Amino acid sequence: MSIINKGSRRLIVVGAVEKGWTRDQKYIVVKNLVDNIPNIKKSFDVTGSGRSDQGGVDIWFEKLMQIFAEISFKAFPPIGEKPQCYYTRNQKMADWGTEFWGFLPENKSLKKSGTMQTIRKADKQGKKTRVYIVSSTGFFETEDRGFYIKNPSLQQRMKEE
């Protein structure tokens, strides 16, 4: 029996693996997540991430939720043969979550990324997705999904300004 009802708000946080981040970028991602814990606790019934065997955002988020948040956490570890286990895991997360936050270091490909694969799968289901590109001095949200722009009219308005 599931303790999570169908109407619950479920946040999935995904991002690049440990080796893809500089120390400054790690600090920015973790600080952003810590700063958002009150909002996460208020806005979501349960959280989750991919529990990557290579560390990174998935693991940082899971540890923060264990330490600071008073809401349930669901891990989606990759199980089975690689690389198929990652595709399956990403689909499960896209099916389960209701909102998605993805974090990628600057200069990381938006096309060749498990993070972006999960985000694109969630986009196709009409779910709320946010992607943050992180530099050593800050971060910004992007509508670019590697193969398409999520909100082309917004992206065009930003270019014109």
Protein backbone atom coordinates (compact mmCIF):
# COMPACT_ATOMS: atom_id res chain seq x y z
CA MET A 1 0.00 0.00 0.00
CA SER A 2 1.38 3.40 -0.98
CA ILE A 3 1.53 6.18 1.61
CA ILE A 4 1.51 8.77 -1.19
CA ASN A 5 -1.86 9.70 -2.65
CA LYS A 6 -2.37 10.59 -6.29
CA GLY A 7 -3.03 14.26 -5.48
CA SER A 8 0.19 14.78 -3.56
CA ARG A 9 2.82 17.29 -4.71
CA ARG A 10 6.07 15.44 -5.44
CA LEU A 11 9.34 17.28 -6.11
CA ILE A 12 12.14 15.54 -8.01
CA VAL A 13 15.59 17.16 -7.93
CA VAL A 14 18.16 15.93 -10.46
CA GLY A 15 21.54 17.11 -11.65
CA ALA A 16 24.99 16.33 -12.90
CA VAL A 17 27.18 13.75 -11.18
CA GLU A 18 29.91 14.69 -8.71
CA LYS A 19 32.83 14.90 -11.17
CA GLY A 20 31.04 17.53 -13.28
CA TRP A 21 31.11 20.22 -10.59
CA THR A 22 33.72 22.65 -9.33
CA ARG A 23 33.85 23.41 -5.61
CA ASP A 24 32.26 26.84 -6.16
CA GLN A 25 29.45 25.37 -8.26
CA LYS A 26 28.74 22.71 -5.61
CA TYR A 27 28.47 25.43 -2.99
CA ILE A 28 25.99 27.40 -5.13
CA VAL A 29 23.76 24.35 -5.75
CA VAL A 30 23.75 23.22 -2.11
CA LYS A 31 23.15 26.78 -0.85
CA ASN A 32 20.22 27.14 -3.26
CA LEU A 33 18.72 23.88 -2.02
CA VAL A 34 19.25 24.78 1.65
CA ASP A 35 17.72 28.23 1.11
CA ASN A 36 14.68 26.54 -0.48
CA ILE A 37 14.04 23.99 2.30
CA PRO A 38 11.28 26.11 3.95
CA ASN A 39 9.55 26.45 0.55
CA ILE A 40 10.01 22.74 -0.19
CA LYS A 41 8.50 21.78 3.18
CA LYS A 42 5.54 24.11 2.59
CA SER A 43 4.91 23.24 -1.06
CA PHE A 44 5.55 19.50 -1.34
CA ASP A 45 4.28 16.35 0.36
CA VAL A 46 7.26 14.23 -0.65
CA THR A 47 10.56 14.65 -2.49
CA GLY A 48 12.79 12.37 -4.53
CA SER A 49 15.91 12.05 -6.64
CA GLY A 50 17.85 9.53 -8.67
CA ARG A 51 20.42 8.40 -6.08
CA SER A 52 23.19 8.31 -8.63
CA ASP A 53 25.96 5.79 -7.98
CA GLN A 54 28.34 8.56 -9.12
CA GLY A 55 27.36 11.12 -6.48
CA GLY A 56 26.37 14.68 -7.28
CA VAL A 57 23.11 16.60 -7.01
CA ASP A 58 20.96 13.49 -6.39
CA ILE A 59 23.00 12.54 -3.33
CA TRP A 60 23.40 16.12 -2.03
CA PHE A 61 19.63 16.62 -2.18
CA GLU A 62 18.88 13.29 -0.52
CA LYS A 63 21.25 14.08 2.38
CA LEU A 64 19.75 17.55 2.83
CA MET A 65 16.25 16.11 2.96
CA GLN A 66 17.34 13.50 5.52
CA ILE A 67 18.96 16.12 7.75
CA PHE A 68 16.70 19.18 7.47
CA ALA A 69 13.34 18.41 5.95
CA GLU A 70 10.46 16.80 7.76
CA ILE A 71 8.87 15.31 4.67
CA SER A 72 9.20 11.89 3.05
CA PHE A 73 11.90 11.17 0.49
CA LYS A 74 11.82 8.56 -2.29
CA ALA A 75 15.04 7.42 -3.96
CA PHE A 76 15.16 6.13 -7.53
CA PRO A 77 18.48 4.27 -7.76
CA PRO A 78 19.49 2.84 -11.15
CA ILE A 79 18.84 -0.92 -11.03
CA GLY A 80 19.94 -3.36 -13.71
CA GLU A 81 22.22 -3.28 -16.71
CA LYS A 82 23.76 0.00 -17.82
CA PRO A 83 22.83 2.13 -19.70
CA GLN A 84 19.22 0.84 -19.84
CA CYS A 85 18.84 1.13 -16.06
CA TYR A 86 19.31 4.91 -16.29
CA TYR A 87 16.60 5.30 -18.98
CA THR A 88 14.21 3.21 -16.89
CA ARG A 89 15.02 5.12 -13.71
CA ASN A 90 14.57 8.49 -15.45
CA GLN A 91 11.18 7.41 -16.81
CA LYS A 92 10.06 6.29 -13.34
CA MET A 93 11.02 9.67 -11.91
CA ALA A 94 9.20 11.50 -14.73
CA ASP A 95 6.08 9.42 -14.10
CA TRP A 96 6.20 9.86 -10.31
CA GLY A 97 7.09 13.54 -9.83
CA THR A 98 4.79 16.51 -10.21
CA GLU A 99 7.55 19.15 -10.31
CA PHE A 100 11.19 18.87 -11.38
CA TRP A 101 14.29 20.94 -10.65
CA GLY A 102 17.40 20.18 -12.69
CA PHE A 103 20.88 21.57 -11.98
CA LEU A 104 23.71 21.50 -14.51
CA PRO A 105 27.16 23.09 -14.52
CA GLU A 106 27.76 25.67 -17.26
CA ASN A 107 29.18 24.19 -20.47
CA LYS A 108 27.47 20.83 -19.82
CA SER A 109 25.63 19.47 -22.85
CA LEU A 110 21.88 19.85 -22.60
CA LYS A 111 21.51 17.00 -25.10
CA LYS A 112 23.73 14.29 -23.59
CA SER A 113 22.49 14.40 -20.02
CA GLY A 114 20.44 12.09 -17.81
CA THR A 115 19.25 15.19 -16.00
CA MET A 116 17.86 16.63 -19.21
CA GLN A 117 16.43 13.28 -20.27
CA THR A 118 14.36 13.26 -17.06
CA ILE A 119 13.34 16.91 -17.58
CA ARG A 120 12.29 16.26 -21.20
CA LYS A 121 10.26 13.19 -20.18
CA ALA A 122 8.46 15.29 -17.55
CA ASP A 123 7.92 18.12 -20.10
CA LYS A 124 6.23 15.64 -22.45
CA GLN A 125 3.80 14.79 -19.64
CA GLY A 126 3.01 18.49 -19.14
CA LYS A 127 4.65 18.67 -15.72
CA LYS A 128 6.32 21.74 -14.22
CA THR A 129 10.06 21.72 -14.90
CA ARG A 130 12.87 24.12 -14.08
CA VAL A 131 16.47 23.89 -15.26
CA TYR A 132 19.25 25.88 -13.63
CA ILE A 133 22.65 26.43 -15.22
CA VAL A 134 25.31 26.98 -12.56
CA SER A 135 28.57 28.90 -12.97
CA SER A 136 31.22 29.57 -10.33
CA THR A 137 29.51 32.88 -9.45
CA GLY A 138 25.78 32.12 -9.65
CA PHE A 139 23.02 30.43 -11.61
CA PHE A 140 20.19 31.19 -14.03
CA GLU A 141 17.09 29.39 -15.20
CA THR A 142 16.92 28.33 -18.84
CA GLU A 143 14.08 27.29 -21.13
CA ASP A 144 16.56 25.44 -23.39
CA ARG A 145 15.98 21.68 -23.26
CA GLY A 146 18.77 20.65 -25.63
CA PHE A 147 16.52 19.54 -28.47
CA TYR A 148 13.86 22.23 -28.10
CA ILE A 149 12.97 25.43 -26.24
CA LYS A 150 10.30 24.78 -23.60
CA ASN A 151 8.62 28.17 -24.02
CA PRO A 152 9.75 29.61 -27.37
CA SER A 153 7.79 32.88 -27.05
CA LEU A 154 9.40 33.63 -23.66
CA GLN A 155 12.86 32.82 -25.01
CA GLN A 156 12.28 35.12 -28.02
CA ARG A 157 11.10 37.99 -25.78
CA MET A 158 14.25 37.61 -23.65
CA LYS A 159 16.47 37.84 -26.75
CA GLU A 160 14.66 40.97 -27.94
CA GLU A 161 15.08 42.82 -24.62
